[in-house]
Amino acid sequence: MPREEYQVPTTSGASSAGAMTRGATGGERHDSRAVMTYICGDCGGNVTLSKDALVACPHCAGRVLYKERTKRMVQFEAR
């Protein structure tokens, strides 16, 4: 099954005794958040920023950067 496919969350895993505490993250996930990819609002180029990088496009010096949308399906429950 592809990683981007939507998976319904289960509640049985959260109630187990060995579950991670709220706010705890794994080491692998923390490393993947060190660098983020954005799209420049002026030139449309891909911009990769690290934690302490200057928020500007290296190609055109544009200061407006948009976060890329997820490729996974996002589903909300309507009430």
PDB file of N, CA and C in Angstrom:
ATOM      1  N   MET A   1       0.850  -1.177   0.000  1.00  0.00           N
ATOM      2  CA  MET A   1       0.000   0.000   0.000  1.00  0.00           C
ATOM      3  C   MET A   1       0.897   1.242   0.000  1.00  0.00           C
ATOM      4  N   PRO A   2       0.625   2.211  -0.883  1.00  0.00           N
ATOM      5  CA  PRO A   2       1.449   3.420  -0.931  1.00  0.00           C
ATOM      6  C   PRO A   2       1.347   4.221   0.360  1.00  0.00           C
ATOM      7  N   ARG A   3       2.420   4.916   0.683  1.00  0.00           N
ATOM      8  CA  ARG A   3       2.473   5.683   1.913  1.00  0.00           C
ATOM      9  C   ARG A   3       1.488   6.851   1.912  1.00  0.00           C
ATOM     10  N   GLU A   4       1.180   7.408   0.735  1.00  0.00           N
ATOM     11  CA  GLU A   4       0.322   8.575   0.655  1.00  0.00           C
ATOM     12  C   GLU A   4      -1.162   8.252   0.782  1.00  0.00           C
ATOM     13  N   GLU A   5      -1.517   6.998   0.769  1.00  0.00           N
ATOM     14  CA  GLU A   5      -2.910   6.614   0.835  1.00  0.00           C
ATOM     15  C   GLU A   5      -3.471   6.894   2.229  1.00  0.00           C
ATOM     16  N   TYR A   6      -4.730   7.324   2.300  1.00  0.00           N
ATOM     17  CA  TYR A   6      -5.352   7.652   3.578  1.00  0.00           C
ATOM     18  C   TYR A   6      -5.542   6.401   4.421  1.00  0.00           C
ATOM     19  N   GLN A   7      -5.216   6.495   5.702  1.00  0.00           N
ATOM     20  CA  GLN A   7      -5.407   5.390   6.631  1.00  0.00           C
ATOM     21  C   GLN A   7      -6.286   5.878   7.771  1.00  0.00           C
ATOM     22  N   VAL A   8      -7.322   5.114   8.067  1.00  0.00           N
ATOM     23  CA  VAL A   8      -8.238   5.464   9.139  1.00  0.00           C
ATOM     24  C   VAL A   8      -7.535   5.238  10.469  1.00  0.00           C
ATOM     25  N   PRO A   9      -7.493   6.248  11.357  1.00  0.00           N
ATOM     26  CA  PRO A   9      -6.834   6.071  12.648  1.00  0.00           C
ATOM     27  C   PRO A   9      -7.602   5.100  13.533  1.00  0.00           C
ATOM     28  N   THR A  10      -6.877   4.305  14.295  1.00  0.00           N
ATOM     29  CA  THR A  10      -7.503   3.353  15.208  1.00  0.00           C
ATOM     30  C   THR A  10      -7.328   3.846  16.632  1.00  0.00           C
ATOM     31  N   THR A  11      -8.307   3.581  17.484  1.00  0.00           N
ATOM     32  CA  THR A  11      -8.238   4.027  18.872  1.00  0.00           C
ATOM     33  C   THR A  11      -7.680   2.955  19.786  1.00  0.00           C
ATOM     34  N   SER A  12      -7.545   1.729  19.313  1.00  0.00           N
ATOM     35  CA  SER A  12      -7.074   0.647  20.177  1.00  0.00           C
ATOM     36  C   SER A  12      -5.610   0.813  20.546  1.00  0.00           C
ATOM     37  N   GLY A  13      -4.787   1.377  19.665  1.00  0.00           N
ATOM     38  CA  GLY A  13      -3.358   1.538  19.941  1.00  0.00           C
ATOM     39  C   GLY A  13      -3.079   2.613  20.971  1.00  0.00           C
ATOM     40  N   ALA A  14      -3.915   3.627  21.061  1.00  0.00           N
ATOM     41  CA  ALA A  14      -3.681   4.735  21.979  1.00  0.00           C
ATOM     42  C   ALA A  14      -3.929   4.335  23.426  1.00  0.00           C
ATOM     43  N   SER A  15      -4.769   3.330  23.650  1.00  0.00           N
ATOM     44  CA  SER A  15      -5.091   2.953  25.018  1.00  0.00           C
ATOM     45  C   SER A  15      -4.154   1.895  25.581  1.00  0.00           C
ATOM     46  N   SER A  16      -3.205   1.417  24.773  1.00  0.00           N
ATOM     47  CA  SER A  16      -2.294   0.388  25.275  1.00  0.00           C
ATOM     48  C   SER A  16      -1.325   0.979  26.290  1.00  0.00           C
ATOM     49  N   ALA A  17      -0.768   0.145  27.132  1.00  0.00           N
ATOM     50  CA  ALA A  17       0.088   0.608  28.220  1.00  0.00           C
ATOM     51  C   ALA A  17       1.414   1.163  27.718  1.00  0.00           C
ATOM     52  N   GLY A  18       1.950   0.653  26.622  1.00  0.00           N
ATOM     53  CA  GLY A  18       3.248   1.086  26.128  1.00  0.00           C
ATOM     54  C   GLY A  18       3.175   2.206  25.116  1.00  0.00           C
ATOM     55  N   ALA A  19       2.071   2.900  25.035  1.00  0.00           N
ATOM     56  CA  ALA A  19       1.921   3.964  24.034  1.00  0.00           C
ATOM     57  C   ALA A  19       2.795   5.163  24.389  1.00  0.00           C
ATOM     58  N   MET A  20       3.197   5.907  23.361  1.00  0.00           N
ATOM     59  CA  MET A  20       4.009   7.101  23.581  1.00  0.00           C
ATOM     60  C   MET A  20       3.156   8.170  24.256  1.00  0.00           C
ATOM     61  N   THR A  21       3.795   9.026  25.022  1.00  0.00           N
ATOM     62  CA  THR A  21       3.072  10.093  25.690  1.00  0.00           C
ATOM     63  C   THR A  21       2.748  11.207  24.710  1.00  0.00           C
ATOM     64  N   ARG A  22       1.810  12.022  25.045  1.00  0.00           N
ATOM     65  CA  ARG A  22       1.393  13.123  24.171  1.00  0.00           C
ATOM     66  C   ARG A  22       2.562  14.096  23.985  1.00  0.00           C
ATOM     67  N   GLY A  23       2.794  14.478  22.746  1.00  0.00           N
ATOM     68  CA  GLY A  23       3.865  15.414  22.441  1.00  0.00           C
ATOM     69  C   GLY A  23       5.199  14.750  22.169  1.00  0.00           C
ATOM     70  N   ALA A  24       5.319  13.470  22.437  1.00  0.00           N
ATOM     71  CA  ALA A  24       6.573  12.768  22.183  1.00  0.00           C
ATOM     72  C   ALA A  24       6.669  12.431  20.702  1.00  0.00           C
ATOM     73  N   THR A  25       7.858  12.612  20.149  1.00  0.00           N
ATOM     74  CA  THR A  25       8.076  12.297  18.741  1.00  0.00           C
ATOM     75  C   THR A  25       9.241  11.343  18.619  1.00  0.00           C
ATOM     76  N   GLY A  26       9.215  10.548  17.574  1.00  0.00           N
ATOM     77  CA  GLY A  26      10.321   9.646  17.312  1.00  0.00           C
ATOM     78  C   GLY A  26      11.497  10.409  16.730  1.00  0.00           C
ATOM     79  N   GLY A  27      12.693   9.857  16.819  1.00  0.00           N
ATOM     80  CA  GLY A  27      13.891  10.511  16.310  1.00  0.00           C
ATOM     81  C   GLY A  27      13.861  10.691  14.807  1.00  0.00           C
ATOM     82  N   GLU A  28      13.308   9.732  14.081  1.00  0.00           N
ATOM     83  CA  GLU A  28      13.271   9.812  12.621  1.00  0.00           C
ATOM     84  C   GLU A  28      12.369  10.952  12.164  1.00  0.00           C
ATOM     85  N   ARG A  29      11.248  11.132  12.795  1.00  0.00           N
ATOM     86  CA  ARG A  29      10.333  12.208  12.419  1.00  0.00           C
ATOM     87  C   ARG A  29      10.951  13.568  12.717  1.00  0.00           C
ATOM     88  N   HIS A  30      11.692  13.672  13.811  1.00  0.00           N
ATOM     89  CA  HIS A  30      12.338  14.934  14.171  1.00  0.00           C
ATOM     90  C   HIS A  30      13.380  15.321  13.128  1.00  0.00           C
ATOM     91  N   ASP A  31      14.115  14.353  12.606  1.00  0.00           N
ATOM     92  CA  ASP A  31      15.126  14.632  11.597  1.00  0.00           C
ATOM     93  C   ASP A  31      14.499  15.081  10.288  1.00  0.00           C
ATOM     94  N   SER A  32      13.328  14.542   9.935  1.00  0.00           N
ATOM     95  CA  SER A  32      12.694  14.920   8.679  1.00  0.00           C
ATOM     96  C   SER A  32      12.147  16.346   8.738  1.00  0.00           C
ATOM     97  N   ARG A  33      11.937  16.892   9.918  1.00  0.00           N
ATOM     98  CA  ARG A  33      11.425  18.250  10.046  1.00  0.00           C
ATOM     99  C   ARG A  33      12.544  19.285  10.071  1.00  0.00           C
ATOM    100  N   ALA A  34      13.777  18.872  10.021  1.00  0.00           N
ATOM    101  CA  ALA A  34      14.885  19.816  10.068  1.00  0.00           C
ATOM    102  C   ALA A  34      14.921  20.687   8.818  1.00  0.00           C
ATOM    103  N   VAL A  35      14.489  20.164   7.679  1.00  0.00           N
ATOM    104  CA  VAL A  35      14.495  20.905   6.422  1.00  0.00           C
ATOM    105  C   VAL A  35      13.093  20.850   5.822  1.00  0.00           C
ATOM    106  N   MET A  36      12.557  22.007   5.435  1.00  0.00           N
ATOM    107  CA  MET A  36      11.227  22.087   4.835  1.00  0.00           C
ATOM    108  C   MET A  36      11.335  22.640   3.426  1.00  0.00           C
ATOM    109  N   THR A  37      10.416  22.243   2.555  1.00  0.00           N
ATOM    110  CA  THR A  37      10.383  22.721   1.179  1.00  0.00           C
ATOM    111  C   THR A  37       9.188  23.647   1.005  1.00  0.00           C
ATOM    112  N   TYR A  38       9.441  24.815   0.428  1.00  0.00           N
ATOM    113  CA  TYR A  38       8.410  25.813   0.178  1.00  0.00           C
ATOM    114  C   TYR A  38       8.408  26.185  -1.297  1.00  0.00           C
ATOM    115  N   ILE A  39       7.361  26.883  -1.747  1.00  0.00           N
ATOM    116  CA  ILE A  39       7.253  27.366  -3.118  1.00  0.00           C
ATOM    117  C   ILE A  39       7.273  28.889  -3.075  1.00  0.00           C
ATOM    118  N   CYS A  40       8.139  29.495  -3.879  1.00  0.00           N
ATOM    119  CA  CYS A  40       8.263  30.950  -3.920  1.00  0.00           C
ATOM    120  C   CYS A  40       7.017  31.551  -4.560  1.00  0.00           C
ATOM    121  N   GLY A  41       6.489  32.620  -3.971  1.00  0.00           N
ATOM    122  CA  GLY A  41       5.314  33.283  -4.503  1.00  0.00           C
ATOM    123  C   GLY A  41       5.603  34.124  -5.729  1.00  0.00           C
ATOM    124  N   ASP A  42       6.844  34.546  -5.921  1.00  0.00           N
ATOM    125  CA  ASP A  42       7.193  35.396  -7.058  1.00  0.00           C
ATOM    126  C   ASP A  42       7.591  34.588  -8.284  1.00  0.00           C
ATOM    127  N   CYS A  43       8.585  33.698  -8.137  1.00  0.00           N
ATOM    128  CA  CYS A  43       9.100  32.973  -9.309  1.00  0.00           C
ATOM    129  C   CYS A  43       8.569  31.547  -9.415  1.00  0.00           C
ATOM    130  N   GLY A  44       7.960  31.001  -8.352  1.00  0.00           N
ATOM    131  CA  GLY A  44       7.411  29.649  -8.387  1.00  0.00           C
ATOM    132  C   GLY A  44       8.441  28.557  -8.194  1.00  0.00           C
ATOM    133  N   GLY A  45       9.658  28.911  -7.836  1.00  0.00           N
ATOM    134  CA  GLY A  45      10.718  27.925  -7.634  1.00  0.00           C
ATOM    135  C   GLY A  45      10.603  27.232  -6.294  1.00  0.00           C
ATOM    136  N   ASN A  46      11.197  26.042  -6.196  1.00  0.00           N
ATOM    137  CA  ASN A  46      11.222  25.303  -4.936  1.00  0.00           C
ATOM    138  C   ASN A  46      12.341  25.838  -4.059  1.00  0.00           C
ATOM    139  N   VAL A  47      12.022  26.117  -2.796  1.00  0.00           N
ATOM    140  CA  VAL A  47      12.976  26.672  -1.848  1.00  0.00           C
ATOM    141  C   VAL A  47      13.058  25.726  -0.660  1.00  0.00           C
ATOM    142  N   THR A  48      14.255  25.324  -0.288  1.00  0.00           N
ATOM    143  CA  THR A  48      14.472  24.456   0.859  1.00  0.00           C
ATOM    144  C   THR A  48      15.070  25.289   1.985  1.00  0.00           C
ATOM    145  N   LEU A  49      14.389  25.313   3.127  1.00  0.00           N
ATOM    146  CA  LEU A  49      14.846  26.102   4.265  1.00  0.00           C
ATOM    147  C   LEU A  49      15.112  25.204   5.456  1.00  0.00           C
ATOM    148  N   SER A  50      16.168  25.507   6.179  1.00  0.00           N
ATOM    149  CA  SER A  50      16.443  24.810   7.428  1.00  0.00           C
ATOM    150  C   SER A  50      15.925  25.675   8.581  1.00  0.00           C
ATOM    151  N   LYS A  51      16.214  25.271   9.790  1.00  0.00           N
ATOM    152  CA  LYS A  51      15.640  25.910  10.967  1.00  0.00           C
ATOM    153  C   LYS A  51      16.008  27.393  11.079  1.00  0.00           C
ATOM    154  N   ASP A  52      17.270  27.743  10.909  1.00  0.00           N
ATOM    155  CA  ASP A  52      17.718  29.117  11.120  1.00  0.00           C
ATOM    156  C   ASP A  52      18.019  29.860   9.824  1.00  0.00           C
ATOM    157  N   ALA A  53      17.472  29.399   8.697  1.00  0.00           N
ATOM    158  CA  ALA A  53      17.758  30.017   7.401  1.00  0.00           C
ATOM    159  C   ALA A  53      16.955  31.305   7.217  1.00  0.00           C
ATOM    160  N   LEU A  54      17.466  32.184   6.366  1.00  0.00           N
ATOM    161  CA  LEU A  54      16.775  33.415   6.016  1.00  0.00           C
ATOM    162  C   LEU A  54      15.563  33.083   5.154  1.00  0.00           C
ATOM    163  N   VAL A  55      14.408  33.658   5.492  1.00  0.00           N
ATOM    164  CA  VAL A  55      13.182  33.365   4.756  1.00  0.00           C
ATOM    165  C   VAL A  55      13.149  34.231   3.503  1.00  0.00           C
ATOM    166  N   ALA A  56      13.774  33.732   2.444  1.00  0.00           N
ATOM    167  CA  ALA A  56      13.811  34.422   1.156  1.00  0.00           C
ATOM    168  C   ALA A  56      14.184  33.413   0.086  1.00  0.00           C
ATOM    169  N   CYS A  57      13.695  33.647  -1.127  1.00  0.00           N
ATOM    170  CA  CYS A  57      14.010  32.781  -2.258  1.00  0.00           C
ATOM    171  C   CYS A  57      15.434  33.074  -2.731  1.00  0.00           C
ATOM    172  N   PRO A  58      16.279  32.061  -2.892  1.00  0.00           N
ATOM    173  CA  PRO A  58      17.648  32.314  -3.361  1.00  0.00           C
ATOM    174  C   PRO A  58      17.709  32.691  -4.837  1.00  0.00           C
ATOM    175  N   HIS A  59      16.648  32.421  -5.593  1.00  0.00           N
ATOM    176  CA  HIS A  59      16.637  32.708  -7.026  1.00  0.00           C
ATOM    177  C   HIS A  59      16.268  34.158  -7.313  1.00  0.00           C
ATOM    178  N   CYS A  60      15.211  34.662  -6.667  1.00  0.00           N
ATOM    179  CA  CYS A  60      14.715  36.006  -6.984  1.00  0.00           C
ATOM    180  C   CYS A  60      14.649  36.920  -5.762  1.00  0.00           C
ATOM    181  N   ALA A  61      15.053  36.453  -4.590  1.00  0.00           N
ATOM    182  CA  ALA A  61      15.014  37.194  -3.324  1.00  0.00           C
ATOM    183  C   ALA A  61      13.582  37.527  -2.898  1.00  0.00           C
ATOM    184  N   GLY A  62      12.612  36.765  -3.375  1.00  0.00           N
ATOM    185  CA  GLY A  62      11.225  36.959  -2.966  1.00  0.00           C
ATOM    186  C   GLY A  62      11.029  36.548  -1.519  1.00  0.00           C
ATOM    187  N   ARG A  63      10.230  37.307  -0.785  1.00  0.00           N
ATOM    188  CA  ARG A  63      10.038  37.046   0.642  1.00  0.00           C
ATOM    189  C   ARG A  63       8.733  36.317   0.938  1.00  0.00           C
ATOM    190  N   VAL A  64       7.926  36.021  -0.069  1.00  0.00           N
ATOM    191  CA  VAL A  64       6.655  35.315   0.134  1.00  0.00           C
ATOM    192  C   VAL A  64       6.856  33.858  -0.260  1.00  0.00           C
ATOM    193  N   LEU A  65       6.754  32.957   0.719  1.00  0.00           N
ATOM    194  CA  LEU A  65       6.928  31.525   0.487  1.00  0.00           C
ATOM    195  C   LEU A  65       5.671  30.800   0.945  1.00  0.00           C
ATOM    196  N   TYR A  66       5.216  29.869   0.127  1.00  0.00           N
ATOM    197  CA  TYR A  66       4.029  29.074   0.436  1.00  0.00           C
ATOM    198  C   TYR A  66       4.442  27.658   0.774  1.00  0.00           C
ATOM    199  N   LYS A  67       3.804  27.085   1.782  1.00  0.00           N
ATOM    200  CA  LYS A  67       4.079  25.700   2.150  1.00  0.00           C
ATOM    201  C   LYS A  67       3.399  24.779   1.150  1.00  0.00           C
ATOM    202  N   GLU A  68       4.120  23.741   0.751  1.00  0.00           N
ATOM    203  CA  GLU A  68       3.591  22.808  -0.232  1.00  0.00           C
ATOM    204  C   GLU A  68       2.473  21.970   0.379  1.00  0.00           C
ATOM    205  N   ARG A  69       1.428  21.710  -0.387  1.00  0.00           N
ATOM    206  CA  ARG A  69       0.326  20.880   0.099  1.00  0.00           C
ATOM    207  C   ARG A  69       0.760  19.427   0.218  1.00  0.00           C
ATOM    208  N   THR A  70       0.110  18.723   1.117  1.00  0.00           N
ATOM    209  CA  THR A  70       0.381  17.304   1.281  1.00  0.00           C
ATOM    210  C   THR A  70      -0.216  16.519   0.123  1.00  0.00           C
ATOM    211  N   LYS A  71       0.398  15.392  -0.204  1.00  0.00           N
ATOM    212  CA  LYS A  71      -0.105  14.545  -1.278  1.00  0.00           C
ATOM    213  C   LYS A  71      -1.098  13.511  -0.743  1.00  0.00           C
ATOM    214  N   ARG A  72      -1.197  13.421   0.589  1.00  0.00           N
ATOM    215  CA  ARG A  72      -2.160  12.504   1.190  1.00  0.00           C
ATOM    216  C   ARG A  72      -3.557  13.097   1.129  1.00  0.00           C
ATOM    217  N   MET A  73      -4.561  12.218   1.141  1.00  0.00           N
ATOM    218  CA  MET A  73      -5.939  12.680   1.157  1.00  0.00           C
ATOM    219  C   MET A  73      -6.272  13.196   2.559  1.00  0.00           C
ATOM    220  N   VAL A  74      -6.839  14.383   2.637  1.00  0.00           N
ATOM    221  CA  VAL A  74      -7.248  14.959   3.909  1.00  0.00           C
ATOM    222  C   VAL A  74      -8.765  14.958   3.936  1.00  0.00           C
ATOM    223  N   GLN A  75      -9.335  14.337   4.955  1.00  0.00           N
ATOM    224  CA  GLN A  75     -10.779  14.182   5.032  1.00  0.00           C
ATOM    225  C   GLN A  75     -11.276  14.736   6.357  1.00  0.00           C
ATOM    226  N   PHE A  76     -12.310  15.575   6.293  1.00  0.00           N
ATOM    227  CA  PHE A  76     -12.916  16.142   7.484  1.00  0.00           C
ATOM    228  C   PHE A  76     -14.344  15.638   7.607  1.00  0.00           C
ATOM    229  N   GLU A  77     -14.804  15.511   8.836  1.00  0.00           N
ATOM    230  CA  GLU A  77     -16.165  15.059   9.073  1.00  0.00           C
ATOM    231  C   GLU A  77     -17.073  16.273   9.194  1.00  0.00           C
ATOM    232  N   ALA A  78     -18.083  16.353   8.337  1.00  0.00           N
ATOM    233  CA  ALA A  78     -19.029  17.471   8.370  1.00  0.00           C
ATOM    234  C   ALA A  78     -20.099  17.201   9.417  1.00  0.00           C
ATOM    235  N   ARG A  79     -20.509  18.241  10.080  1.00  0.00           N
ATOM    236  CA  ARG A  79     -21.559  18.093  11.096  1.00  0.00           C
ATOM    237  C   ARG A  79     -22.778  18.848  10.699  1.00  0.00           C
TER     238      ARG A  79
END
